[in-house]
Amino acid sequence: MAFLEKKFKIGLIRVLTTENEDVLLAHERQLKSYFPQLQIETKCIPDQYEGIHTPELGEIAVPKIVETARSFEDADMIIVSCADDPGVEEIREALPGIPVTGGGETTVALALKYGEKIGVLGITDYAPKAYVRMIPDQMILGKPDGVDSTLDLMTPEGRKSAVEMACKLKEQGAQVLALACTGMATIGIAKELEEATGLPVIDPVMAEGLFAYFEYLKK
């Protein structure tokens, strides 16, 4: 019992600025439902109301992400809840000794368990950097039509377009789908994509939580 009650606090960083508490805490609620042992505090970075969907927005966001990471008190781990892993390397340098990860590298690591051809379903015309680093020759990249930011995923049209693109990725030979935007986790679309394609789907929020749970077990 003592093992199950040990404390492990995660500082969770959202890269989408929002005053909507339901949106802000969406990833925290998901993680707590999967891994109730984890203690989580969520903060979003300022002045990024469209999140990160271009390299330029990513560059602007990194200093804010690092500053937000520094603002957590007594965190045992930092998670940047974004599939592009912005600021992850910088936080590791700024806060040595604290485990840091993001939604990208964790998603790719799990996707490799399920297949060699990985359908990368995201909201940009380019793959997030962890995907390029880890599976440069195994990706089949797909961007839903009409979806250019995480806000577009929250519309019925955006959701439908994501499902259609997932089916196209399967037709192109994908053996597993690695979601490349945590906004897809926010709308809880992974199960729907699995039902539509028959493929395993790696949800980035679940993936980052699984790696956090590993750190929790180690502590």
N, C-alpha and C. Protein backbone atom coordinates (compact mmCIF):
# COMPACT_ATOMS: atom_id res chain seq x y z
N MET A 1 0.82 -1.20 0.00
CA MET A 1 0.00 0.00 0.00
C MET A 1 0.86 1.26 0.00
N ALA A 2 1.93 1.23 0.78
CA ALA A 2 2.82 2.40 0.84
C ALA A 2 3.39 2.71 -0.54
N PHE A 3 3.68 1.64 -1.29
CA PHE A 3 4.22 1.83 -2.64
C PHE A 3 3.23 2.58 -3.51
N LEU A 4 1.94 2.20 -3.41
CA LEU A 4 0.94 2.82 -4.25
C LEU A 4 0.66 4.26 -3.85
N GLU A 5 0.95 4.60 -2.59
CA GLU A 5 0.64 5.94 -2.11
C GLU A 5 1.83 6.90 -2.19
N LYS A 6 2.94 6.47 -2.70
CA LYS A 6 4.10 7.37 -2.75
C LYS A 6 3.80 8.54 -3.70
N LYS A 7 4.40 9.67 -3.42
CA LYS A 7 4.10 10.87 -4.16
C LYS A 7 5.02 11.00 -5.38
N PHE A 8 4.42 11.41 -6.49
CA PHE A 8 5.18 11.66 -7.71
C PHE A 8 4.45 12.77 -8.44
N LYS A 9 5.04 13.95 -8.43
CA LYS A 9 4.36 15.13 -8.99
C LYS A 9 4.89 15.45 -10.38
N ILE A 10 3.97 15.63 -11.30
CA ILE A 10 4.30 15.98 -12.67
C ILE A 10 3.88 17.41 -12.96
N GLY A 11 4.80 18.19 -13.52
CA GLY A 11 4.46 19.50 -14.05
C GLY A 11 4.12 19.33 -15.52
N LEU A 12 2.85 19.51 -15.87
CA LEU A 12 2.37 19.29 -17.24
C LEU A 12 2.21 20.63 -17.94
N ILE A 13 2.89 20.80 -19.07
CA ILE A 13 2.87 22.06 -19.80
C ILE A 13 2.02 21.92 -21.06
N ARG A 14 1.01 22.76 -21.15
CA ARG A 14 0.20 22.87 -22.38
C ARG A 14 0.74 24.01 -23.22
N VAL A 15 0.92 23.77 -24.51
CA VAL A 15 1.48 24.82 -25.37
C VAL A 15 0.39 25.59 -26.10
N LEU A 16 -0.86 25.30 -25.77
CA LEU A 16 -2.00 26.06 -26.26
C LEU A 16 -2.48 26.96 -25.12
N THR A 17 -2.44 28.26 -25.32
CA THR A 17 -2.94 29.18 -24.31
C THR A 17 -4.46 29.15 -24.30
N THR A 18 -5.04 28.98 -23.12
CA THR A 18 -6.50 28.95 -23.02
C THR A 18 -6.94 29.39 -21.63
N GLU A 19 -8.08 30.08 -21.59
CA GLU A 19 -8.72 30.40 -20.31
C GLU A 19 -9.85 29.43 -20.01
N ASN A 20 -10.09 28.51 -20.94
CA ASN A 20 -11.14 27.51 -20.77
C ASN A 20 -10.58 26.36 -19.92
N GLU A 21 -11.08 26.20 -18.72
CA GLU A 21 -10.52 25.22 -17.80
C GLU A 21 -10.70 23.80 -18.31
N ASP A 22 -11.80 23.53 -19.00
CA ASP A 22 -12.02 22.19 -19.54
C ASP A 22 -10.94 21.83 -20.56
N VAL A 23 -10.58 22.79 -21.40
CA VAL A 23 -9.52 22.56 -22.38
C VAL A 23 -8.17 22.48 -21.69
N LEU A 24 -7.91 23.39 -20.77
CA LEU A 24 -6.63 23.42 -20.07
C LEU A 24 -6.34 22.10 -19.37
N LEU A 25 -7.34 21.55 -18.70
CA LEU A 25 -7.14 20.36 -17.88
C LEU A 25 -7.46 19.05 -18.60
N ALA A 26 -7.72 19.13 -19.91
CA ALA A 26 -8.11 17.92 -20.65
C ALA A 26 -7.05 16.83 -20.57
N HIS A 27 -5.78 17.19 -20.75
CA HIS A 27 -4.73 16.17 -20.73
C HIS A 27 -4.49 15.66 -19.31
N GLU A 28 -4.59 16.55 -18.34
CA GLU A 28 -4.43 16.14 -16.95
C GLU A 28 -5.50 15.12 -16.57
N ARG A 29 -6.74 15.39 -16.96
CA ARG A 29 -7.82 14.45 -16.64
C ARG A 29 -7.60 13.10 -17.30
N GLN A 30 -7.15 13.12 -18.55
CA GLN A 30 -6.86 11.86 -19.23
C GLN A 30 -5.78 11.07 -18.51
N LEU A 31 -4.71 11.75 -18.16
CA LEU A 31 -3.60 11.07 -17.49
C LEU A 31 -4.03 10.50 -16.14
N LYS A 32 -4.82 11.25 -15.41
CA LYS A 32 -5.29 10.76 -14.11
C LYS A 32 -6.22 9.55 -14.27
N SER A 33 -6.97 9.51 -15.36
CA SER A 33 -7.85 8.36 -15.58
C SER A 33 -7.04 7.11 -15.92
N TYR A 34 -5.92 7.29 -16.63
CA TYR A 34 -5.05 6.16 -16.98
C TYR A 34 -4.16 5.76 -15.81
N PHE A 35 -3.61 6.78 -15.13
CA PHE A 35 -2.58 6.55 -14.11
C PHE A 35 -2.93 7.34 -12.84
N PRO A 36 -3.89 6.85 -12.06
CA PRO A 36 -4.35 7.60 -10.89
C PRO A 36 -3.28 7.82 -9.82
N GLN A 37 -2.17 7.10 -9.90
CA GLN A 37 -1.09 7.27 -8.92
C GLN A 37 -0.35 8.59 -9.11
N LEU A 38 -0.45 9.18 -10.28
CA LEU A 38 0.33 10.37 -10.58
C LEU A 38 -0.36 11.63 -10.06
N GLN A 39 0.42 12.52 -9.48
CA GLN A 39 -0.06 13.85 -9.10
C GLN A 39 0.35 14.81 -10.22
N ILE A 40 -0.60 15.61 -10.69
CA ILE A 40 -0.35 16.43 -11.87
C ILE A 40 -0.79 17.86 -11.63
N GLU A 41 0.08 18.79 -12.00
CA GLU A 41 -0.27 20.21 -12.02
C GLU A 41 -0.08 20.71 -13.45
N THR A 42 -1.13 21.32 -14.00
CA THR A 42 -1.09 21.78 -15.38
C THR A 42 -0.96 23.29 -15.46
N LYS A 43 -0.09 23.74 -16.35
CA LYS A 43 0.02 25.17 -16.68
C LYS A 43 0.12 25.31 -18.19
N CYS A 44 -0.43 26.39 -18.73
CA CYS A 44 -0.24 26.67 -20.16
C CYS A 44 0.68 27.87 -20.32
N ILE A 45 1.36 27.91 -21.44
CA ILE A 45 2.24 29.03 -21.71
C ILE A 45 1.40 30.23 -22.15
N PRO A 46 1.92 31.44 -22.02
CA PRO A 46 1.14 32.62 -22.40
C PRO A 46 1.21 32.94 -23.89
N ASP A 47 0.16 33.58 -24.38
CA ASP A 47 0.15 34.21 -25.71
C ASP A 47 0.42 33.25 -26.86
N GLN A 48 -0.12 32.05 -26.76
CA GLN A 48 -0.03 31.10 -27.89
C GLN A 48 -1.42 30.50 -28.10
N TYR A 49 -2.35 31.36 -28.51
CA TYR A 49 -3.76 30.95 -28.58
C TYR A 49 -4.06 29.99 -29.72
N GLU A 50 -3.13 29.82 -30.65
CA GLU A 50 -3.28 28.81 -31.70
C GLU A 50 -2.33 27.64 -31.47
N GLY A 51 -1.67 27.62 -30.32
CA GLY A 51 -0.73 26.54 -30.03
C GLY A 51 0.52 26.65 -30.88
N ILE A 52 1.02 25.50 -31.34
CA ILE A 52 2.21 25.45 -32.18
C ILE A 52 1.90 24.65 -33.42
N HIS A 53 1.85 25.33 -34.55
CA HIS A 53 1.60 24.60 -35.80
C HIS A 53 2.50 25.07 -36.93
N THR A 54 3.56 25.82 -36.58
CA THR A 54 4.60 26.19 -37.54
C THR A 54 5.93 26.20 -36.79
N PRO A 55 7.05 26.03 -37.51
CA PRO A 55 8.36 26.12 -36.84
C PRO A 55 8.56 27.46 -36.17
N GLU A 56 8.03 28.53 -36.77
CA GLU A 56 8.20 29.87 -36.20
C GLU A 56 7.50 29.98 -34.85
N LEU A 57 6.30 29.44 -34.75
CA LEU A 57 5.57 29.46 -33.48
C LEU A 57 6.30 28.61 -32.44
N GLY A 58 6.94 27.53 -32.90
CA GLY A 58 7.71 26.70 -31.98
C GLY A 58 8.88 27.45 -31.38
N GLU A 59 9.58 28.23 -32.23
CA GLU A 59 10.72 29.01 -31.74
C GLU A 59 10.28 30.05 -30.73
N ILE A 60 9.14 30.67 -31.00
CA ILE A 60 8.61 31.67 -30.07
C ILE A 60 8.23 31.03 -28.74
N ALA A 61 7.74 29.80 -28.81
CA ALA A 61 7.21 29.14 -27.62
C ALA A 61 8.29 28.62 -26.68
N VAL A 62 9.43 28.22 -27.21
CA VAL A 62 10.44 27.52 -26.39
C VAL A 62 10.84 28.28 -25.13
N PRO A 63 11.19 29.57 -25.19
CA PRO A 63 11.54 30.27 -23.95
C PRO A 63 10.40 30.29 -22.93
N LYS A 64 9.17 30.40 -23.43
CA LYS A 64 8.00 30.39 -22.53
C LYS A 64 7.85 29.02 -21.87
N ILE A 65 8.12 27.98 -22.63
CA ILE A 65 8.00 26.62 -22.10
C ILE A 65 9.03 26.38 -21.00
N VAL A 66 10.25 26.81 -21.25
CA VAL A 66 11.32 26.64 -20.24
C VAL A 66 10.97 27.42 -18.98
N GLU A 67 10.49 28.64 -19.14
CA GLU A 67 10.13 29.47 -17.98
C GLU A 67 8.98 28.83 -17.20
N THR A 68 8.02 28.26 -17.92
CA THR A 68 6.91 27.59 -17.25
C THR A 68 7.41 26.37 -16.49
N ALA A 69 8.34 25.64 -17.09
CA ALA A 69 8.91 24.46 -16.40
C ALA A 69 9.58 24.88 -15.10
N ARG A 70 10.27 26.00 -15.13
CA ARG A 70 10.96 26.48 -13.92
C ARG A 70 9.98 26.88 -12.82
N SER A 71 8.73 27.20 -13.21
CA SER A 71 7.77 27.73 -12.25
C SER A 71 7.12 26.66 -11.38
N PHE A 72 7.24 25.39 -11.75
CA PHE A 72 6.65 24.32 -10.94
C PHE A 72 7.48 24.13 -9.67
N GLU A 73 6.81 23.93 -8.56
CA GLU A 73 7.49 23.68 -7.30
C GLU A 73 7.48 22.18 -6.99
N ASP A 74 8.65 21.65 -6.68
CA ASP A 74 8.79 20.25 -6.24
C ASP A 74 8.30 19.24 -7.27
N ALA A 75 8.48 19.55 -8.54
CA ALA A 75 8.08 18.59 -9.57
C ALA A 75 9.10 17.46 -9.67
N ASP A 76 8.61 16.24 -9.76
CA ASP A 76 9.48 15.08 -9.96
C ASP A 76 9.74 14.81 -11.44
N MET A 77 8.89 15.40 -12.30
CA MET A 77 9.03 15.19 -13.73
C MET A 77 8.30 16.31 -14.46
N ILE A 78 8.79 16.66 -15.65
CA ILE A 78 8.14 17.65 -16.50
C ILE A 78 7.70 16.98 -17.80
N ILE A 79 6.46 17.23 -18.18
CA ILE A 79 5.96 16.76 -19.47
C ILE A 79 5.54 17.97 -20.29
N VAL A 80 6.07 18.08 -21.50
CA VAL A 80 5.60 19.07 -22.46
C VAL A 80 4.57 18.35 -23.33
N SER A 81 3.32 18.67 -23.12
CA SER A 81 2.25 17.89 -23.77
C SER A 81 2.01 18.39 -25.19
N CYS A 82 2.99 18.11 -26.04
CA CYS A 82 2.94 18.51 -27.45
C CYS A 82 3.75 17.49 -28.23
N ALA A 83 3.25 17.09 -29.38
CA ALA A 83 3.92 16.05 -30.16
C ALA A 83 5.21 16.53 -30.82
N ASP A 84 5.44 17.83 -30.85
CA ASP A 84 6.69 18.34 -31.42
C ASP A 84 7.79 18.43 -30.37
N ASP A 85 7.47 18.12 -29.11
CA ASP A 85 8.44 18.15 -28.01
C ASP A 85 9.18 19.48 -27.90
N PRO A 86 8.49 20.61 -28.08
CA PRO A 86 9.20 21.90 -28.01
C PRO A 86 9.73 22.15 -26.60
N GLY A 87 10.97 22.57 -26.53
CA GLY A 87 11.55 22.91 -25.25
C GLY A 87 12.04 21.75 -24.41
N VAL A 88 11.82 20.53 -24.85
CA VAL A 88 12.20 19.37 -24.04
C VAL A 88 13.71 19.36 -23.80
N GLU A 89 14.49 19.51 -24.85
CA GLU A 89 15.95 19.50 -24.69
C GLU A 89 16.41 20.68 -23.84
N GLU A 90 15.79 21.84 -24.05
CA GLU A 90 16.18 23.03 -23.30
C GLU A 90 15.85 22.89 -21.81
N ILE A 91 14.71 22.26 -21.50
CA ILE A 91 14.37 22.04 -20.09
C ILE A 91 15.34 21.05 -19.46
N ARG A 92 15.74 20.04 -20.19
CA ARG A 92 16.72 19.08 -19.66
C ARG A 92 18.02 19.78 -19.29
N GLU A 93 18.41 20.76 -20.08
CA GLU A 93 19.63 21.52 -19.76
C GLU A 93 19.40 22.46 -18.58
N ALA A 94 18.20 23.05 -18.52
CA ALA A 94 17.91 24.03 -17.47
C ALA A 94 17.64 23.38 -16.12
N LEU A 95 17.07 22.17 -16.13
CA LEU A 95 16.70 21.48 -14.90
C LEU A 95 17.32 20.09 -14.86
N PRO A 96 18.62 20.00 -14.78
CA PRO A 96 19.28 18.69 -14.78
C PRO A 96 18.84 17.86 -13.58
N GLY A 97 18.69 16.58 -13.82
CA GLY A 97 18.29 15.68 -12.73
C GLY A 97 16.81 15.41 -12.67
N ILE A 98 16.01 16.19 -13.42
CA ILE A 98 14.57 15.97 -13.46
C ILE A 98 14.20 15.33 -14.80
N PRO A 99 13.51 14.19 -14.81
CA PRO A 99 13.09 13.59 -16.07
C PRO A 99 12.17 14.54 -16.85
N VAL A 100 12.41 14.63 -18.14
CA VAL A 100 11.60 15.50 -19.01
C VAL A 100 11.29 14.72 -20.28
N THR A 101 10.05 14.80 -20.71
CA THR A 101 9.69 14.18 -21.97
C THR A 101 8.55 14.94 -22.61
N GLY A 102 8.19 14.54 -23.82
CA GLY A 102 7.08 15.17 -24.54
C GLY A 102 6.25 14.13 -25.24
N GLY A 103 5.20 14.60 -25.91
CA GLY A 103 4.30 13.67 -26.56
C GLY A 103 4.84 13.04 -27.82
N GLY A 104 5.89 13.63 -28.41
CA GLY A 104 6.40 13.10 -29.67
C GLY A 104 7.27 11.88 -29.52
N GLU A 105 8.37 12.01 -28.75
CA GLU A 105 9.30 10.89 -28.62
C GLU A 105 8.65 9.68 -27.97
N THR A 106 7.70 9.91 -27.07
CA THR A 106 7.03 8.79 -26.41
C THR A 106 6.08 8.07 -27.37
N THR A 107 5.41 8.83 -28.21
CA THR A 107 4.50 8.24 -29.19
C THR A 107 5.25 7.38 -30.19
N VAL A 108 6.35 7.90 -30.70
CA VAL A 108 7.14 7.15 -31.67
C VAL A 108 7.69 5.87 -31.06
N ALA A 109 8.18 5.96 -29.84
CA ALA A 109 8.74 4.77 -29.18
C ALA A 109 7.70 3.66 -29.08
N LEU A 110 6.48 4.01 -28.75
CA LEU A 110 5.43 2.99 -28.65
C LEU A 110 4.99 2.50 -30.02
N ALA A 111 4.93 3.40 -31.00
CA ALA A 111 4.49 3.01 -32.33
C ALA A 111 5.41 1.94 -32.94
N LEU A 112 6.70 2.02 -32.64
CA LEU A 112 7.65 1.06 -33.19
C LEU A 112 7.37 -0.36 -32.72
N LYS A 113 6.63 -0.50 -31.65
CA LYS A 113 6.27 -1.84 -31.16
C LYS A 113 5.27 -2.51 -32.09
N TYR A 114 4.51 -1.73 -32.83
CA TYR A 114 3.39 -2.27 -33.59
C TYR A 114 3.62 -2.42 -35.08
N GLY A 115 4.67 -1.82 -35.60
CA GLY A 115 4.88 -1.96 -37.04
C GLY A 115 6.09 -1.18 -37.52
N GLU A 116 6.46 -1.46 -38.76
CA GLU A 116 7.61 -0.79 -39.37
C GLU A 116 7.19 0.40 -40.24
N LYS A 117 5.98 0.35 -40.76
CA LYS A 117 5.45 1.48 -41.53
C LYS A 117 4.47 2.23 -40.64
N ILE A 118 4.82 3.46 -40.31
CA ILE A 118 4.08 4.20 -39.30
C ILE A 118 3.38 5.39 -39.94
N GLY A 119 2.06 5.36 -39.87
CA GLY A 119 1.28 6.49 -40.36
C GLY A 119 1.32 7.61 -39.34
N VAL A 120 1.81 8.76 -39.74
CA VAL A 120 1.95 9.91 -38.84
C VAL A 120 0.83 10.89 -39.18
N LEU A 121 -0.14 10.97 -38.30
CA LEU A 121 -1.32 11.80 -38.53
C LEU A 121 -1.22 13.06 -37.67
N GLY A 122 -0.99 14.20 -38.34
CA GLY A 122 -0.80 15.44 -37.61
C GLY A 122 -1.53 16.59 -38.25
N ILE A 123 -1.16 17.81 -37.85
CA ILE A 123 -1.84 19.00 -38.35
C ILE A 123 -0.91 19.90 -39.16
N THR A 124 0.28 19.40 -39.47
CA THR A 124 1.24 20.18 -40.25
C THR A 124 1.70 19.38 -41.46
N ASP A 125 2.29 20.10 -42.42
CA ASP A 125 2.81 19.45 -43.62
C ASP A 125 4.18 18.82 -43.39
N TYR A 126 4.70 18.97 -42.19
CA TYR A 126 5.99 18.38 -41.83
C TYR A 126 5.80 17.54 -40.58
N ALA A 127 6.67 16.56 -40.41
CA ALA A 127 6.59 15.70 -39.22
C ALA A 127 7.29 16.36 -38.04
N PRO A 128 6.79 16.16 -36.83
CA PRO A 128 7.48 16.68 -35.65
C PRO A 128 8.91 16.12 -35.57
N LYS A 129 9.78 16.86 -34.89
CA LYS A 129 11.20 16.55 -34.93
C LYS A 129 11.54 15.17 -34.38
N ALA A 130 10.82 14.69 -33.36
CA ALA A 130 11.12 13.36 -32.82
C ALA A 130 10.82 12.28 -33.85
N TYR A 131 9.80 12.48 -34.66
CA TYR A 131 9.42 11.52 -35.69
C TYR A 131 10.51 11.48 -36.77
N VAL A 132 11.00 12.66 -37.13
CA VAL A 132 12.06 12.74 -38.13
C VAL A 132 13.34 12.10 -37.60
N ARG A 133 13.64 12.31 -36.34
CA ARG A 133 14.86 11.77 -35.74
C ARG A 133 14.80 10.25 -35.58
N MET A 134 13.64 9.74 -35.18
CA MET A 134 13.54 8.34 -34.77
C MET A 134 13.05 7.41 -35.88
N ILE A 135 12.23 7.92 -36.80
CA ILE A 135 11.70 7.04 -37.86
C ILE A 135 11.73 7.74 -39.22
N PRO A 136 12.89 8.27 -39.62
CA PRO A 136 12.94 9.06 -40.86
C PRO A 136 12.53 8.30 -42.11
N ASP A 137 12.78 7.00 -42.14
CA ASP A 137 12.48 6.22 -43.34
C ASP A 137 11.26 5.31 -43.17
N GLN A 138 10.56 5.46 -42.07
CA GLN A 138 9.43 4.58 -41.80
C GLN A 138 8.09 5.32 -41.75
N MET A 139 8.15 6.63 -41.96
CA MET A 139 6.94 7.45 -41.85
C MET A 139 6.14 7.49 -43.14
N ILE A 140 4.82 7.52 -42.96
CA ILE A 140 3.91 7.91 -44.03
C ILE A 140 3.11 9.08 -43.45
N LEU A 141 3.38 10.27 -43.92
CA LEU A 141 2.85 11.48 -43.30
C LEU A 141 1.50 11.85 -43.89
N GLY A 142 0.56 12.21 -43.03
CA GLY A 142 -0.76 12.62 -43.49
C GLY A 142 -1.30 13.79 -42.67
N LYS A 143 -1.83 14.79 -43.37
CA LYS A 143 -2.45 15.95 -42.72
C LYS A 143 -3.89 16.04 -43.19
N PRO A 144 -4.85 16.06 -42.28
CA PRO A 144 -6.25 16.17 -42.68
C PRO A 144 -6.53 17.46 -43.44
N ASP A 145 -7.35 17.36 -44.46
CA ASP A 145 -7.73 18.55 -45.22
C ASP A 145 -8.48 19.53 -44.33
N GLY A 146 -8.11 20.79 -44.43
CA GLY A 146 -8.82 21.83 -43.69
C GLY A 146 -8.44 21.94 -42.23
N VAL A 147 -7.44 21.18 -41.80
CA VAL A 147 -7.00 21.22 -40.41
C VAL A 147 -5.61 21.84 -40.37
N ASP A 148 -5.53 23.04 -39.83
CA ASP A 148 -4.26 23.76 -39.79
C ASP A 148 -3.81 24.12 -38.38
N SER A 149 -4.66 23.91 -37.39
CA SER A 149 -4.28 24.14 -36.00
C SER A 149 -5.10 23.22 -35.12
N THR A 150 -4.71 23.14 -33.86
CA THR A 150 -5.42 22.26 -32.94
C THR A 150 -6.87 22.69 -32.77
N LEU A 151 -7.16 23.98 -32.99
CA LEU A 151 -8.54 24.46 -32.87
C LEU A 151 -9.43 23.86 -33.95
N ASP A 152 -8.86 23.60 -35.13
CA ASP A 152 -9.65 23.01 -36.22
C ASP A 152 -10.10 21.59 -35.89
N LEU A 153 -9.31 20.89 -35.08
CA LEU A 153 -9.67 19.53 -34.70
C LEU A 153 -10.93 19.50 -33.83
N MET A 154 -11.24 20.61 -33.20
CA MET A 154 -12.37 20.66 -32.28
C MET A 154 -13.70 20.89 -32.98
N THR A 155 -13.67 20.95 -34.32
CA THR A 155 -14.90 21.10 -35.10
C THR A 155 -15.32 19.76 -35.67
N PRO A 156 -16.62 19.56 -35.93
CA PRO A 156 -17.07 18.31 -36.55
C PRO A 156 -16.37 18.03 -37.89
N GLU A 157 -16.13 19.11 -38.66
CA GLU A 157 -15.48 18.94 -39.95
C GLU A 157 -14.04 18.48 -39.79
N GLY A 158 -13.35 19.05 -38.79
CA GLY A 158 -11.96 18.66 -38.53
C GLY A 158 -11.86 17.22 -38.09
N ARG A 159 -12.77 16.79 -37.26
CA ARG A 159 -12.77 15.41 -36.78
C ARG A 159 -13.01 14.44 -37.95
N LYS A 160 -13.98 14.76 -38.79
CA LYS A 160 -14.28 13.91 -39.94
C LYS A 160 -13.09 13.82 -40.88
N SER A 161 -12.43 14.95 -41.10
CA SER A 161 -11.27 14.98 -41.98
C SER A 161 -10.13 14.13 -41.43
N ALA A 162 -9.95 14.14 -40.11
CA ALA A 162 -8.91 13.33 -39.49
C ALA A 162 -9.17 11.84 -39.69
N VAL A 163 -10.40 11.43 -39.57
CA VAL A 163 -10.76 10.03 -39.79
C VAL A 163 -10.50 9.64 -41.24
N GLU A 164 -10.87 10.51 -42.16
CA GLU A 164 -10.65 10.23 -43.59
C GLU A 164 -9.18 10.08 -43.91
N MET A 165 -8.34 10.94 -43.33
CA MET A 165 -6.91 10.85 -43.59
C MET A 165 -6.31 9.60 -42.97
N ALA A 166 -6.80 9.20 -41.81
CA ALA A 166 -6.32 7.97 -41.19
C ALA A 166 -6.58 6.77 -42.11
N CYS A 167 -7.74 6.75 -42.74
CA CYS A 167 -8.06 5.66 -43.67
C CYS A 167 -7.13 5.69 -44.89
N LYS A 168 -6.79 6.88 -45.35
CA LYS A 168 -5.86 7.00 -46.47
C LYS A 168 -4.47 6.50 -46.09
N LEU A 169 -4.05 6.78 -44.88
CA LEU A 169 -2.74 6.30 -44.43
C LEU A 169 -2.70 4.78 -44.40
N LYS A 170 -3.80 4.17 -44.00
CA LYS A 170 -3.86 2.70 -44.03
C LYS A 170 -3.75 2.19 -45.46
N GLU A 171 -4.46 2.85 -46.38
CA GLU A 171 -4.39 2.45 -47.79
C GLU A 171 -2.98 2.57 -48.35
N GLN A 172 -2.19 3.49 -47.80
CA GLN A 172 -0.81 3.69 -48.26
C GLN A 172 0.18 2.73 -47.59
N GLY A 173 -0.33 1.86 -46.72
CA GLY A 173 0.53 0.83 -46.15
C GLY A 173 0.87 0.98 -44.68
N ALA A 174 0.28 1.96 -44.01
CA ALA A 174 0.57 2.14 -42.59
C ALA A 174 0.12 0.92 -41.79
N GLN A 175 0.96 0.48 -40.87
CA GLN A 175 0.64 -0.65 -40.00
C GLN A 175 0.21 -0.20 -38.61
N VAL A 176 0.47 1.06 -38.29
CA VAL A 176 0.12 1.65 -37.00
C VAL A 176 0.00 3.15 -37.23
N LEU A 177 -0.87 3.80 -36.48
CA LEU A 177 -1.01 5.25 -36.58
C LEU A 177 -0.43 5.91 -35.34
N ALA A 178 0.51 6.81 -35.57
CA ALA A 178 1.10 7.59 -34.48
C ALA A 178 0.55 9.01 -34.60
N LEU A 179 -0.30 9.39 -33.67
CA LEU A 179 -0.87 10.73 -33.72
C LEU A 179 0.23 11.76 -33.47
N ALA A 180 0.25 12.80 -34.29
CA ALA A 180 1.34 13.78 -34.22
C ALA A 180 0.84 15.14 -33.76
N CYS A 181 -0.23 15.13 -32.99
CA CYS A 181 -0.76 16.35 -32.37
C CYS A 181 -1.51 15.95 -31.12
N THR A 182 -1.17 16.54 -29.99
CA THR A 182 -1.88 16.20 -28.76
C THR A 182 -3.31 16.74 -28.77
N GLY A 183 -3.61 17.64 -29.71
CA GLY A 183 -4.99 18.08 -29.87
C GLY A 183 -5.91 16.93 -30.23
N MET A 184 -5.36 15.89 -30.86
CA MET A 184 -6.17 14.72 -31.17
C MET A 184 -6.48 13.92 -29.92
N ALA A 185 -5.59 14.02 -28.95
CA ALA A 185 -5.89 13.41 -27.65
C ALA A 185 -6.95 14.23 -26.92
N THR A 186 -6.86 15.56 -27.07
CA THR A 186 -7.84 16.43 -26.42
C THR A 186 -9.26 16.08 -26.85
N ILE A 187 -9.45 15.77 -28.14
CA ILE A 187 -10.79 15.44 -28.64
C ILE A 187 -11.10 13.95 -28.52
N GLY A 188 -10.15 13.17 -28.01
CA GLY A 188 -10.40 11.75 -27.75
C GLY A 188 -10.74 10.94 -28.98
N ILE A 189 -9.96 11.13 -30.06
CA ILE A 189 -10.31 10.51 -31.33
C ILE A 189 -9.64 9.15 -31.57
N ALA A 190 -8.71 8.75 -30.71
CA ALA A 190 -7.92 7.54 -30.98
C ALA A 190 -8.81 6.31 -31.18
N LYS A 191 -9.78 6.11 -30.32
CA LYS A 191 -10.63 4.92 -30.43
C LYS A 191 -11.42 4.93 -31.73
N GLU A 192 -11.90 6.10 -32.11
CA GLU A 192 -12.64 6.22 -33.36
C GLU A 192 -11.76 5.88 -34.56
N LEU A 193 -10.51 6.31 -34.51
CA LEU A 193 -9.59 6.00 -35.60
C LEU A 193 -9.29 4.50 -35.66
N GLU A 194 -9.15 3.87 -34.50
CA GLU A 194 -8.93 2.42 -34.47
C GLU A 194 -10.11 1.68 -35.09
N GLU A 195 -11.32 2.11 -34.77
CA GLU A 195 -12.51 1.46 -35.30
C GLU A 195 -12.63 1.68 -36.80
N ALA A 196 -12.24 2.85 -37.29
CA ALA A 196 -12.35 3.18 -38.70
C ALA A 196 -11.30 2.46 -39.55
N THR A 197 -10.11 2.25 -38.98
CA THR A 197 -8.99 1.71 -39.77
C THR A 197 -8.63 0.27 -39.43
N GLY A 198 -8.97 -0.16 -38.23
CA GLY A 198 -8.53 -1.48 -37.78
C GLY A 198 -7.07 -1.53 -37.39
N LEU A 199 -6.43 -0.36 -37.29
CA LEU A 199 -5.02 -0.29 -36.92
C LEU A 199 -4.87 0.14 -35.47
N PRO A 200 -3.77 -0.25 -34.82
CA PRO A 200 -3.48 0.32 -33.51
C PRO A 200 -3.17 1.81 -33.66
N VAL A 201 -3.62 2.59 -32.70
CA VAL A 201 -3.42 4.04 -32.73
C VAL A 201 -2.74 4.46 -31.43
N ILE A 202 -1.65 5.18 -31.55
CA ILE A 202 -0.91 5.65 -30.38
C ILE A 202 -1.31 7.07 -30.06
N ASP A 203 -1.97 7.23 -28.92
CA ASP A 203 -2.41 8.53 -28.43
C ASP A 203 -1.23 9.18 -27.68
N PRO A 204 -0.82 10.39 -28.06
CA PRO A 204 0.38 10.98 -27.45
C PRO A 204 0.24 11.28 -25.96
N VAL A 205 -0.95 11.61 -25.50
CA VAL A 205 -1.10 11.87 -24.07
C VAL A 205 -0.99 10.57 -23.27
N MET A 206 -1.60 9.52 -23.78
CA MET A 206 -1.43 8.22 -23.11
C MET A 206 0.03 7.79 -23.15
N ALA A 207 0.71 8.06 -24.26
CA ALA A 207 2.11 7.65 -24.39
C ALA A 207 3.00 8.40 -23.40
N GLU A 208 2.82 9.70 -23.30
CA GLU A 208 3.67 10.46 -22.36
C GLU A 208 3.36 10.06 -20.92
N GLY A 209 2.12 9.71 -20.66
CA GLY A 209 1.75 9.25 -19.33
C GLY A 209 2.35 7.92 -18.98
N LEU A 210 2.44 7.05 -19.97
CA LEU A 210 3.05 5.73 -19.74
C LEU A 210 4.51 5.87 -19.36
N PHE A 211 5.21 6.77 -20.01
CA PHE A 211 6.61 7.00 -19.67
C PHE A 211 6.74 7.67 -18.30
N ALA A 212 5.78 8.52 -17.96
CA ALA A 212 5.78 9.11 -16.62
C ALA A 212 5.55 8.04 -15.56
N TYR A 213 4.67 7.10 -15.87
CA TYR A 213 4.41 6.03 -14.91
C TYR A 213 5.66 5.17 -14.70
N PHE A 214 6.42 4.99 -15.76
CA PHE A 214 7.70 4.27 -15.64
C PHE A 214 8.63 5.01 -14.67
N GLU A 215 8.70 6.33 -14.81
CA GLU A 215 9.54 7.10 -13.89
C GLU A 215 9.01 7.02 -12.47
N TYR A 216 7.71 7.00 -12.32
CA TYR A 216 7.08 6.85 -11.00
C TYR A 216 7.48 5.52 -10.36
N LEU A 217 7.46 4.46 -11.14
CA LEU A 217 7.82 3.14 -10.61
C LEU A 217 9.29 3.08 -10.20
N LYS A 218 10.13 3.80 -10.94
CA LYS A 218 11.57 3.82 -10.65
C LYS A 218 11.90 4.58 -9.37
N LYS A 219 11.10 5.59 -9.07
CA LYS A 219 11.45 6.51 -7.98
C LYS A 219 11.40 5.82 -6.61
